[in-house]
Amino acid sequence: MKDKILFISNTYFQLLTAIQLSMTEFKNFEVDFLISDHSINAMKIVENMENTNIGGRVYYIESKNISF
């Protein structure tokens, strides 16, 4: 059983870093991505990533307008 990693990205820089890490340092891990709505067109990025072989599952979360 592979170890699992969940990358959470609010910005494109964070996402690019997560993708790079998943393809190098964590290439033997099961990797999933959670991408928030903090960047413009994030949903389109999620759709595009689902059609690639970059990692495991890709999730979209709306969290920009949540207040506590």
C-alpha atoms as a PDB file:
ATOM      1  CA  MET A   1       0.000   0.000   0.000  1.00  0.00           C
ATOM      2  CA  LYS A   2       1.373   3.387  -1.014  1.00  0.00           C
ATOM      3  CA  ASP A   3       1.521   6.322   1.343  1.00  0.00           C
ATOM      4  CA  LYS A   4      -0.921   9.092   0.462  1.00  0.00           C
ATOM      5  CA  ILE A   5      -0.442  12.841   0.122  1.00  0.00           C
ATOM      6  CA  LEU A   6      -3.033  15.567  -0.298  1.00  0.00           C
ATOM      7  CA  PHE A   7      -1.772  18.857  -1.715  1.00  0.00           C
ATOM      8  CA  ILE A   8      -3.982  21.867  -0.959  1.00  0.00           C
ATOM      9  CA  SER A   9      -3.474  24.828  -3.293  1.00  0.00           C
ATOM     10  CA  ASN A  10      -4.980  28.306  -3.109  1.00  0.00           C
ATOM     11  CA  THR A  11      -2.740  29.892  -5.748  1.00  0.00           C
ATOM     12  CA  TYR A  12      -1.258  28.844  -9.077  1.00  0.00           C
ATOM     13  CA  PHE A  13       2.245  29.010  -7.582  1.00  0.00           C
ATOM     14  CA  GLN A  14       1.230  26.553  -4.868  1.00  0.00           C
ATOM     15  CA  LEU A  15      -0.312  24.264  -7.474  1.00  0.00           C
ATOM     16  CA  LEU A  16       2.764  24.317  -9.715  1.00  0.00           C
ATOM     17  CA  THR A  17       4.946  23.550  -6.704  1.00  0.00           C
ATOM     18  CA  ALA A  18       2.640  20.683  -5.706  1.00  0.00           C
ATOM     19  CA  ILE A  19       2.723  19.233  -9.220  1.00  0.00           C
ATOM     20  CA  GLN A  20       6.503  19.465  -9.337  1.00  0.00           C
ATOM     21  CA  LEU A  21       6.833  17.778  -5.935  1.00  0.00           C
ATOM     22  CA  SER A  22       4.394  15.038  -6.939  1.00  0.00           C
ATOM     23  CA  MET A  23       6.494  14.245 -10.008  1.00  0.00           C
ATOM     24  CA  THR A  24       9.855  14.278  -8.208  1.00  0.00           C
ATOM     25  CA  GLU A  25      10.095  13.925  -4.428  1.00  0.00           C
ATOM     26  CA  PHE A  26       6.779  12.112  -4.012  1.00  0.00           C
ATOM     27  CA  LYS A  27       6.604  10.127  -7.255  1.00  0.00           C
ATOM     28  CA  ASN A  28       6.176   6.854  -5.327  1.00  0.00           C
ATOM     29  CA  PHE A  29       3.237   8.200  -3.323  1.00  0.00           C
ATOM     30  CA  GLU A  30      -0.460   8.270  -4.125  1.00  0.00           C
ATOM     31  CA  VAL A  31      -1.067  11.993  -4.648  1.00  0.00           C
ATOM     32  CA  ASP A  32      -4.359  13.907  -4.698  1.00  0.00           C
ATOM     33  CA  PHE A  33      -4.903  17.623  -5.238  1.00  0.00           C
ATOM     34  CA  LEU A  34      -7.418  19.971  -3.631  1.00  0.00           C
ATOM     35  CA  ILE A  35      -7.691  23.283  -5.482  1.00  0.00           C
ATOM     36  CA  SER A  36      -9.626  26.206  -4.053  1.00  0.00           C
ATOM     37  CA  ASP A  37     -11.467  29.042  -5.746  1.00  0.00           C
ATOM     38  CA  HIS A  38      -8.902  31.648  -4.624  1.00  0.00           C
ATOM     39  CA  SER A  39      -7.464  31.851  -8.158  1.00  0.00           C
ATOM     40  CA  ILE A  40      -9.319  32.910 -11.298  1.00  0.00           C
ATOM     41  CA  ASN A  41     -10.549  29.993 -13.451  1.00  0.00           C
ATOM     42  CA  ALA A  42      -9.569  27.403 -10.850  1.00  0.00           C
ATOM     43  CA  MET A  43     -12.456  25.171 -11.902  1.00  0.00           C
ATOM     44  CA  LYS A  44     -11.086  25.072 -15.446  1.00  0.00           C
ATOM     45  CA  ILE A  45      -7.692  24.017 -14.071  1.00  0.00           C
ATOM     46  CA  VAL A  46      -9.383  21.201 -12.139  1.00  0.00           C
ATOM     47  CA  GLU A  47     -11.166  20.053 -15.303  1.00  0.00           C
ATOM     48  CA  ASN A  48      -7.903  20.094 -17.265  1.00  0.00           C
ATOM     49  CA  MET A  49      -6.015  18.217 -14.549  1.00  0.00           C
ATOM     50  CA  GLU A  50      -8.693  15.511 -14.497  1.00  0.00           C
ATOM     51  CA  ASN A  51      -7.862  14.835 -18.155  1.00  0.00           C
ATOM     52  CA  THR A  52      -4.122  14.433 -17.532  1.00  0.00           C
ATOM     53  CA  ASN A  53      -1.989  11.824 -15.836  1.00  0.00           C
ATOM     54  CA  ILE A  54      -0.431  14.200 -13.295  1.00  0.00           C
ATOM     55  CA  GLY A  55      -1.715  12.552 -10.146  1.00  0.00           C
ATOM     56  CA  GLY A  56      -4.659  10.881  -8.527  1.00  0.00           C
ATOM     57  CA  ARG A  57      -7.924  12.608  -7.819  1.00  0.00           C
ATOM     58  CA  VAL A  58      -8.429  16.356  -8.202  1.00  0.00           C
ATOM     59  CA  TYR A  59     -10.947  18.215  -6.049  1.00  0.00           C
ATOM     60  CA  TYR A  60     -12.369  21.726  -6.286  1.00  0.00           C
ATOM     61  CA  ILE A  61     -13.504  23.567  -3.173  1.00  0.00           C
ATOM     62  CA  GLU A  62     -15.220  26.923  -2.813  1.00  0.00           C
ATOM     63  CA  SER A  63     -13.707  28.556   0.241  1.00  0.00           C
ATOM     64  CA  LYS A  64     -12.967  32.132  -0.759  1.00  0.00           C
ATOM     65  CA  ASN A  65     -16.132  33.628   0.705  1.00  0.00           C
ATOM     66  CA  ILE A  66     -16.301  31.541   3.864  1.00  0.00           C
ATOM     67  CA  SER A  67     -16.075  33.596   7.029  1.00  0.00           C
ATOM     68  CA  PHE A  68     -15.791  32.353  10.579  1.00  0.00           C
END
